[in-house]
Amino acid sequence: MQPLLLKTFTVTTALGRGNAQTLSALRAQRSGLQARAWETVDLSTCIGEVEGLDAVDMRADLQQFDCRNNRLAQLALEQDGFMQSVQAAADRYGKKRIGVFLGSSTSGILSSEQAYRERDPVSGALPASHSYRHTHNMFSVADFVCHYADLQGPAHVVSTACSSSAKVFGAAQRMIDCGMIDAAVVGGVDSLCLTTLYGFNSLQLVSSRPCMPFDAQRDGISIGEGAAFILLERADQARADDILLCGVGESSDAHHMSAPHPEGLGARLAMQAALDMAGLQPQAIGYINLHGTATPSNDAAEGLAVSAMFGSDTSCSSTKGHTGHTLGAAGGVEAVLCALALRHGFLPGGVGTRELDARLHCNYLLANKERAIHHALSNSFGFGGSNCSLLFSTGRA
């Protein structure tokens, strides 16, 4: 593929709003996971909640989109000069030549959960004020972003569980490559909801403490919320400090509805495809942002796949101990974290992990490392064996 430029990028999670707060938290090895009361949740767990989200006011002309998920999208769009960059791109290319491709796993389902409490006691009808189309509908977050940014190009939402907002990079790459568009807003948004928390708990996948990726005593995920947006354009004249998308690898092992292939087959296929697209060998990769959910089976499968391909030298870590598992937004969030690592020569050590699982032979970082790297890989592996690996490089590579 022809590399694509990450013209602008931004991320908002429990670590903070925007890139600066996020980078500061990573450098301090601070986790955003806390045991706290949220909504009507009655579970012993820790969550990664975005501070102040309930106080965000939706733009006056977009009130029909008001829900937690779209408020999170709006909050993230307003960071790091992202909207100014998008408007500049619209001026260059035209509103119809910019696509919007986002990932989400639950969209604004919380709005329907809340509306269900207010249903008519006789008919069971939801309140008239509830707009499924603009909130809960899976397309609603892309629809909201198109309206918010006044974009008129092709738009869709990918919902393939935890790989959702990684796979949108491939969608954008293909559309730009075939000339349908000139630029794309990609990323993901997923916000806290009861369905997710109780659903993962019913699968016995939720830890009662902050998650511990790749730890010998890991016992499940911590759910977080987050949003990330990236503006992709052709990289005709990349500068030394530019971040480029150079490889997208997708696979589907279809091993099981919720468990990964025990030997990490799908993960290996996705990572190899990303390397092949970028024309790189495994030894070129300076850092891997692991999917690293902290469940026993997921970390074991990914550990086997990574060590089989990269050996035990390539630095890697999971940042889900920082942010929690942001589910459909994880691919986009962790893509931005890789971009920050490349730009700042900084490899984040995982937090929450105390004693590495001796059966996993990756070079897992427990402490931060200051090191200039040229290539980073980001893994996102979802339910049903939907896998995606993204390969990012610096313009000087």
Protein backbone atom coordinates (compact mmCIF):
# COMPACT_ATOMS: atom_id res chain seq x y z
CA MET A 1 0.00 0.00 0.00
CA GLN A 2 0.97 3.62 -0.35
CA PRO A 3 1.50 4.96 3.18
CA LEU A 4 -1.19 7.24 4.58
CA LEU A 5 -0.43 10.27 6.71
CA LEU A 6 -1.93 10.63 10.17
CA LYS A 7 -2.52 14.32 9.57
CA THR A 8 -4.02 14.91 13.02
CA PHE A 9 -5.01 12.60 15.85
CA THR A 10 -6.55 12.85 19.29
CA VAL A 11 -7.63 10.56 22.13
CA THR A 12 -9.85 10.93 25.20
CA THR A 13 -10.12 8.21 27.86
CA ALA A 14 -10.08 7.82 31.61
CA LEU A 15 -6.47 9.07 31.40
CA GLY A 16 -7.63 12.52 30.31
CA ARG A 17 -8.77 14.72 27.46
CA GLY A 18 -6.48 14.97 24.47
CA ASN A 19 -2.94 13.90 23.69
CA ALA A 20 -1.06 15.99 26.26
CA GLN A 21 -2.99 14.67 29.27
CA THR A 22 -2.77 11.15 27.87
CA LEU A 23 0.99 11.31 27.35
CA SER A 24 1.48 12.76 30.83
CA ALA A 25 -0.48 9.88 32.38
CA LEU A 26 1.48 7.32 30.38
CA ARG A 27 4.79 8.83 31.48
CA ALA A 28 3.63 8.77 35.10
CA GLN A 29 2.42 5.18 34.68
CA ARG A 30 -0.92 6.31 36.04
CA SER A 31 -4.00 4.15 35.63
CA GLY A 32 -7.44 5.63 35.04
CA LEU A 33 -9.14 2.55 36.52
CA GLN A 34 -11.05 3.03 39.74
CA ALA A 35 -13.61 1.22 41.85
CA ARG A 36 -16.45 3.70 41.79
CA ALA A 37 -20.21 3.94 41.71
CA TRP A 38 -21.60 4.43 38.21
CA GLU A 39 -25.20 4.49 37.09
CA THR A 40 -27.04 1.54 38.72
CA VAL A 41 -24.13 -0.88 38.50
CA ASP A 42 -23.99 -3.32 41.41
CA LEU A 43 -20.82 -5.24 40.58
CA SER A 44 -17.45 -5.54 42.28
CA THR A 45 -15.29 -4.13 39.52
CA CYS A 46 -13.14 -1.19 38.44
CA ILE A 47 -13.98 0.98 35.44
CA GLY A 48 -12.25 3.58 33.30
CA GLU A 49 -14.71 6.48 33.28
CA VAL A 50 -14.14 9.72 31.37
CA GLU A 51 -14.38 12.51 33.94
CA GLY A 52 -17.03 15.16 33.40
CA LEU A 53 -18.79 13.42 30.54
CA ASP A 54 -22.25 13.81 32.08
CA ALA A 55 -21.73 17.59 32.13
CA VAL A 56 -20.95 17.89 28.41
CA ASP A 57 -23.60 19.87 26.53
CA MET A 58 -24.42 18.75 23.02
CA ARG A 59 -24.28 21.45 20.39
CA ALA A 60 -27.65 23.18 20.20
CA ASP A 61 -28.44 22.13 16.63
CA LEU A 62 -27.63 18.46 17.34
CA GLN A 63 -29.75 17.83 20.42
CA GLN A 64 -31.49 14.85 18.82
CA PHE A 65 -28.15 13.01 19.01
CA ASP A 66 -27.78 13.56 22.75
CA CYS A 67 -26.54 10.41 24.48
CA ARG A 68 -23.43 9.40 26.39
CA ASN A 69 -21.71 7.98 23.31
CA ASN A 70 -22.19 11.07 21.17
CA ARG A 71 -21.24 13.38 24.03
CA LEU A 72 -18.00 11.44 24.28
CA ALA A 73 -17.52 11.82 20.52
CA GLN A 74 -18.09 15.58 20.72
CA LEU A 75 -15.71 15.94 23.67
CA ALA A 76 -12.96 14.11 21.79
CA LEU A 77 -13.51 16.00 18.54
CA GLU A 78 -12.88 19.27 20.38
CA GLN A 79 -9.35 18.30 21.49
CA ASP A 80 -5.94 18.88 19.87
CA GLY A 81 -7.21 21.15 17.09
CA PHE A 82 -8.81 18.15 15.42
CA MET A 83 -11.87 19.94 14.06
CA GLN A 84 -9.76 22.76 12.63
CA SER A 85 -7.69 20.18 10.77
CA VAL A 86 -10.82 18.49 9.42
CA GLN A 87 -12.24 21.81 8.23
CA ALA A 88 -8.97 22.62 6.50
CA ALA A 89 -9.15 19.26 4.74
CA ALA A 90 -12.73 19.95 3.70
CA ASP A 91 -11.58 23.25 2.21
CA ARG A 92 -8.85 21.44 0.26
CA TYR A 93 -10.79 18.44 -0.99
CA GLY A 94 -14.48 19.26 -0.60
CA LYS A 95 -17.00 17.93 1.91
CA LYS A 96 -17.96 14.98 -0.30
CA ARG A 97 -14.37 13.76 -0.62
CA ILE A 98 -13.83 13.00 3.09
CA GLY A 99 -15.08 9.71 4.47
CA VAL A 100 -16.08 8.97 8.06
CA PHE A 101 -15.39 5.41 9.23
CA LEU A 102 -15.75 4.67 12.92
CA GLY A 103 -15.83 1.64 15.18
CA SER A 104 -18.22 1.04 18.07
CA SER A 105 -19.49 -2.05 19.84
CA THR A 106 -22.52 -0.74 21.72
CA SER A 107 -23.10 2.77 20.35
CA GLY A 108 -25.56 4.70 22.55
CA ILE A 109 -27.28 1.68 24.07
CA LEU A 110 -27.26 3.35 27.49
CA SER A 111 -29.94 5.74 26.21
CA SER A 112 -32.23 2.78 25.49
CA GLU A 113 -31.41 1.18 28.84
CA GLN A 114 -32.45 4.39 30.56
CA ALA A 115 -35.54 4.78 28.37
CA TYR A 116 -36.60 1.22 29.18
CA ARG A 117 -37.02 2.23 32.82
CA GLU A 118 -39.54 4.87 31.70
CA ARG A 119 -41.58 2.68 29.35
CA ASP A 120 -45.36 2.91 29.44
CA PRO A 121 -46.64 0.53 32.14
CA VAL A 122 -49.55 -0.60 29.95
CA SER A 123 -48.22 -0.73 26.39
CA GLY A 124 -44.53 -1.12 27.19
CA ALA A 125 -43.74 1.66 24.71
CA LEU A 126 -40.56 3.63 25.23
CA PRO A 127 -40.95 7.37 25.92
CA ALA A 128 -41.54 9.55 22.87
CA SER A 129 -38.43 11.57 23.69
CA HIS A 130 -36.20 8.56 23.01
CA SER A 131 -34.70 8.65 19.51
CA TYR A 132 -33.29 5.23 18.69
CA ARG A 133 -32.10 6.39 15.27
CA HIS A 134 -29.96 9.20 16.64
CA THR A 135 -28.62 7.48 19.77
CA HIS A 136 -28.76 3.68 20.00
CA ASN A 137 -28.62 2.92 16.28
CA MET A 138 -25.14 1.60 15.45
CA PHE A 139 -24.69 4.21 12.71
CA SER A 140 -25.62 7.09 15.01
CA VAL A 141 -22.05 8.02 16.00
CA ALA A 142 -20.89 8.31 12.38
CA ASP A 143 -24.09 10.21 11.55
CA PHE A 144 -23.37 12.56 14.45
CA VAL A 145 -19.75 13.15 13.39
CA CYS A 146 -20.83 13.85 9.80
CA HIS A 147 -23.31 16.45 11.04
CA TYR A 148 -20.91 17.90 13.60
CA ALA A 149 -18.12 18.32 11.05
CA ASP A 150 -20.45 19.06 8.10
CA LEU A 151 -19.00 16.24 6.00
CA GLN A 152 -20.88 14.61 3.14
CA GLY A 153 -18.64 11.76 2.01
CA PRO A 154 -19.22 8.02 2.47
CA ALA A 155 -19.68 6.99 6.08
CA HIS A 156 -20.19 3.79 8.03
CA VAL A 157 -19.65 2.18 11.42
CA VAL A 158 -17.82 -1.10 11.87
CA SER A 159 -18.96 -3.26 14.77
CA THR A 160 -16.71 -6.31 15.04
CA ALA A 161 -16.30 -6.20 18.81
CA CYS A 162 -12.79 -5.25 19.96
CA SER A 163 -11.31 -4.96 16.44
CA SER A 164 -13.95 -2.45 15.29
CA SER A 165 -11.97 0.78 15.28
CA ALA A 166 -8.82 -0.89 13.97
CA LYS A 167 -10.59 -2.28 10.92
CA VAL A 168 -11.78 1.19 9.88
CA PHE A 169 -8.19 2.03 8.92
CA GLY A 170 -8.41 -0.69 6.29
CA ALA A 171 -11.73 0.63 5.02
CA ALA A 172 -10.26 4.12 4.65
CA GLN A 173 -7.10 2.83 2.99
CA ARG A 174 -9.08 0.93 0.37
CA MET A 175 -11.37 3.87 -0.43
CA ILE A 176 -8.49 6.33 -0.72
CA ASP A 177 -6.50 3.85 -2.80
CA CYS A 178 -9.30 3.38 -5.32
CA GLY A 179 -9.90 7.12 -5.61
CA MET A 180 -13.35 7.31 -4.01
CA ILE A 181 -12.17 9.80 -1.39
CA ASP A 182 -9.12 11.95 -0.65
CA ALA A 183 -9.15 11.80 3.14
CA ALA A 184 -10.94 10.07 5.98
CA VAL A 185 -11.86 10.61 9.60
CA VAL A 186 -11.33 7.26 11.29
CA GLY A 187 -11.36 6.07 14.87
CA GLY A 188 -13.80 4.77 17.41
CA VAL A 189 -16.15 5.69 20.23
CA ASP A 190 -17.47 3.39 22.93
CA SER A 191 -19.00 4.53 26.21
CA LEU A 192 -19.95 2.78 29.40
CA CYS A 193 -23.29 1.01 29.51
CA LEU A 194 -25.01 -1.62 31.64
CA THR A 195 -25.21 -4.20 28.85
CA THR A 196 -21.44 -4.29 28.50
CA LEU A 197 -20.67 -4.44 32.21
CA TYR A 198 -23.22 -7.10 33.06
CA GLY A 199 -22.68 -8.96 29.81
CA PHE A 200 -18.94 -9.44 30.29
CA ASN A 201 -19.56 -10.23 33.94
CA SER A 202 -21.94 -13.02 32.92
CA LEU A 203 -19.11 -14.49 30.85
CA GLN A 204 -16.93 -14.42 33.99
CA LEU A 205 -14.48 -12.13 32.21
CA VAL A 206 -14.60 -9.07 34.51
CA SER A 207 -12.00 -8.65 37.23
CA SER A 208 -12.90 -7.23 40.63
CA ARG A 209 -9.61 -5.29 40.66
CA PRO A 210 -7.78 -3.18 38.06
CA CYS A 211 -6.85 -5.52 35.23
CA MET A 212 -3.39 -7.13 35.16
CA PRO A 213 -2.36 -7.84 31.54
CA PHE A 214 0.13 -10.71 31.09
CA ASP A 215 0.32 -11.19 34.86
CA ALA A 216 0.54 -14.69 36.30
CA GLN A 217 -2.53 -13.89 38.43
CA ARG A 218 -4.61 -12.10 35.78
CA ASP A 219 -8.30 -12.80 36.12
CA GLY A 220 -10.21 -10.63 33.68
CA ILE A 221 -10.80 -7.28 32.07
CA SER A 222 -11.59 -3.83 33.38
CA ILE A 223 -14.05 -2.01 31.14
CA GLY A 224 -13.34 1.55 30.11
CA GLU A 225 -14.74 4.11 27.73
CA GLY A 226 -12.92 6.22 25.20
CA ALA A 227 -12.86 7.98 21.86
CA ALA A 228 -10.12 8.47 19.31
CA PHE A 229 -10.14 10.28 15.98
CA ILE A 230 -7.52 10.30 13.25
CA LEU A 231 -7.52 12.26 10.00
CA LEU A 232 -5.91 10.16 7.25
CA GLU A 233 -4.62 11.63 3.99
CA ARG A 234 -2.23 10.57 1.26
CA ALA A 235 1.38 10.89 2.33
CA ASP A 236 2.79 12.49 -0.79
CA GLN A 237 5.55 14.41 0.96
CA ALA A 238 6.06 12.95 4.43
CA ARG A 239 8.26 14.88 6.82
CA ALA A 240 10.63 13.32 9.33
CA ASP A 241 8.27 13.82 12.27
CA ASP A 242 5.14 12.62 10.46
CA ILE A 243 3.39 9.41 11.52
CA LEU A 244 2.34 7.09 8.71
CA LEU A 245 -0.02 4.14 8.40
CA CYS A 246 2.02 1.61 6.44
CA GLY A 247 0.26 -1.71 6.99
CA VAL A 248 -3.16 -3.11 7.80
CA GLY A 249 -3.54 -6.82 8.48
CA GLU A 250 -6.96 -8.43 8.91
CA SER A 251 -7.91 -12.03 9.58
CA SER A 252 -10.76 -14.14 10.86
CA ASP A 253 -9.94 -17.47 12.47
CA ALA A 254 -13.60 -18.15 13.41
CA HIS A 255 -12.39 -20.48 16.13
CA HIS A 256 -15.03 -19.69 18.75
CA MET A 257 -17.71 -17.12 19.52
CA SER A 258 -15.77 -15.58 22.41
CA ALA A 259 -12.45 -17.42 22.87
CA PRO A 260 -9.38 -16.84 20.68
CA HIS A 261 -7.64 -19.62 18.79
CA PRO A 262 -5.49 -21.21 21.54
CA GLU A 263 -2.31 -20.96 19.46
CA GLY A 264 -3.04 -17.43 18.29
CA LEU A 265 -3.54 -18.43 14.65
CA GLY A 266 -5.70 -15.45 13.73
CA ALA A 267 -3.38 -13.07 15.55
CA ARG A 268 -0.38 -14.38 13.63
CA LEU A 269 -2.20 -14.06 10.31
CA ALA A 270 -3.15 -10.44 11.05
CA MET A 271 0.33 -9.43 12.20
CA GLN A 272 1.96 -11.10 9.21
CA ALA A 273 -0.45 -9.42 6.80
CA ALA A 274 0.40 -6.00 8.28
CA LEU A 275 4.13 -6.70 7.94
CA ASP A 276 3.68 -7.91 4.37
CA MET A 277 1.70 -4.83 3.37
CA ALA A 278 4.40 -2.58 4.83
CA GLY A 279 7.20 -4.66 3.31
CA LEU A 280 8.90 -5.12 6.68
CA GLN A 281 10.43 -8.00 8.60
CA PRO A 282 9.54 -8.67 12.26
CA GLN A 283 12.89 -7.37 13.52
CA ALA A 284 12.03 -3.89 12.18
CA ILE A 285 9.25 -3.42 14.75
CA GLY A 286 10.37 -1.40 17.76
CA TYR A 287 7.21 -1.69 19.87
CA ILE A 288 3.99 -3.72 19.92
CA ASN A 289 0.89 -2.41 21.63
CA LEU A 290 -0.67 -5.72 22.62
CA HIS A 291 -4.37 -6.41 22.64
CA GLY A 292 -3.60 -7.64 26.17
CA THR A 293 -7.04 -7.80 27.76
CA ALA A 294 -5.83 -9.59 30.93
CA THR A 295 -8.05 -12.63 30.48
CA PRO A 296 -6.18 -15.93 30.84
CA SER A 297 -6.99 -17.24 27.36
CA ASN A 298 -6.54 -14.01 25.39
CA ASP A 299 -3.14 -13.12 26.79
CA ALA A 300 -1.91 -16.70 26.44
CA ALA A 301 -2.92 -16.89 22.77
CA GLU A 302 -1.47 -13.48 21.92
CA GLY A 303 1.70 -14.25 23.84
CA LEU A 304 2.22 -17.42 21.78
CA ALA A 305 1.59 -15.56 18.53
CA VAL A 306 3.90 -12.65 19.34
CA SER A 307 6.78 -14.80 20.61
CA ALA A 308 6.48 -17.11 17.59
CA MET A 309 6.81 -14.18 15.19
CA PHE A 310 9.00 -11.70 17.06
CA GLY A 311 10.90 -13.83 19.54
CA SER A 312 11.60 -12.44 23.01
CA ASP A 313 13.37 -9.20 22.12
CA THR A 314 10.71 -6.85 20.71
CA SER A 315 9.41 -4.47 23.36
CA CYS A 316 5.68 -4.76 23.99
CA SER A 317 3.02 -3.87 26.53
CA SER A 318 -0.71 -3.57 26.98
CA THR A 319 -2.12 -0.14 27.77
CA LYS A 320 -5.45 -1.54 28.96
CA GLY A 321 -4.10 -1.33 32.50
CA HIS A 322 -4.09 2.44 31.91
CA THR A 323 -7.39 2.97 30.09
CA GLY A 324 -9.38 -0.19 30.69
CA HIS A 325 -10.69 -2.12 27.73
CA THR A 326 -12.48 0.47 25.62
CA LEU A 327 -13.97 -2.31 23.45
CA GLY A 328 -15.06 -0.96 20.07
CA ALA A 329 -12.88 2.12 20.57
CA ALA A 330 -9.75 0.15 21.58
CA GLY A 331 -8.24 -0.07 18.10
CA GLY A 332 -8.46 3.68 17.56
CA VAL A 333 -7.34 4.56 21.08
CA GLU A 334 -4.30 2.31 20.88
CA ALA A 335 -3.45 3.50 17.38
CA VAL A 336 -3.09 7.00 18.82
CA LEU A 337 -1.01 5.64 21.70
CA CYS A 338 1.32 4.06 19.14
CA ALA A 339 1.51 7.38 17.29
CA LEU A 340 2.46 9.12 20.54
CA ALA A 341 5.13 6.47 21.20
CA LEU A 342 6.62 7.04 17.74
CA ARG A 343 6.49 10.82 17.94
CA HIS A 344 7.98 11.10 21.43
CA GLY A 345 10.41 8.16 21.43
CA PHE A 346 8.59 6.73 24.42
CA LEU A 347 7.53 3.13 25.04
CA PRO A 348 4.87 2.83 27.78
CA GLY A 349 5.37 0.24 30.49
CA GLY A 350 2.20 -1.58 31.42
CA VAL A 351 0.51 -0.77 34.73
CA GLY A 352 -1.34 -3.20 36.97
CA THR A 353 0.98 -6.06 36.08
CA ARG A 354 3.08 -7.23 39.02
CA GLU A 355 4.50 -10.66 38.18
CA LEU A 356 4.76 -11.63 34.54
CA ASP A 357 3.37 -15.01 33.55
CA ALA A 358 6.49 -17.16 33.11
CA ARG A 359 4.71 -19.13 30.37
CA LEU A 360 4.55 -16.04 28.16
CA HIS A 361 7.89 -15.24 26.60
CA CYS A 362 7.32 -11.72 25.24
CA ASN A 363 9.55 -8.79 26.17
CA TYR A 364 6.79 -7.20 28.21
CA LEU A 365 7.67 -3.76 29.59
CA LEU A 366 6.88 -3.15 33.24
CA ALA A 367 8.67 0.21 33.22
CA ASN A 368 8.70 3.01 30.67
CA LYS A 369 11.51 3.08 28.17
CA GLU A 370 12.83 6.18 26.43
CA ARG A 371 13.76 4.93 22.98
CA ALA A 372 13.41 6.31 19.47
CA ILE A 373 11.72 3.76 17.24
CA HIS A 374 10.70 3.81 13.58
CA HIS A 375 7.93 1.20 13.45
CA ALA A 376 5.17 0.20 15.90
CA LEU A 377 2.47 -2.46 15.67
CA SER A 378 -0.95 -2.27 17.31
CA ASN A 379 -3.05 -5.42 17.85
CA SER A 380 -6.83 -5.58 18.18
CA PHE A 381 -8.52 -8.98 18.40
CA GLY A 382 -12.29 -9.35 18.73
CA PHE A 383 -14.92 -11.95 19.53
CA GLY A 384 -15.56 -14.48 16.80
CA GLY A 385 -11.92 -14.35 15.69
CA SER A 386 -12.12 -10.91 14.06
CA ASN A 387 -8.51 -9.72 14.15
CA CYS A 388 -6.70 -6.61 12.97
CA SER A 389 -3.10 -5.40 13.28
CA LEU A 390 -2.02 -1.90 12.29
CA LEU A 391 1.55 -0.92 11.47
CA PHE A 392 2.65 2.68 11.96
CA SER A 393 5.98 4.26 10.99
CA THR A 394 7.72 7.60 11.22
CA GLY A 395 8.28 9.68 8.11
CA ARG A 396 12.03 9.29 8.55
CA ALA A 397 11.87 5.47 8.51
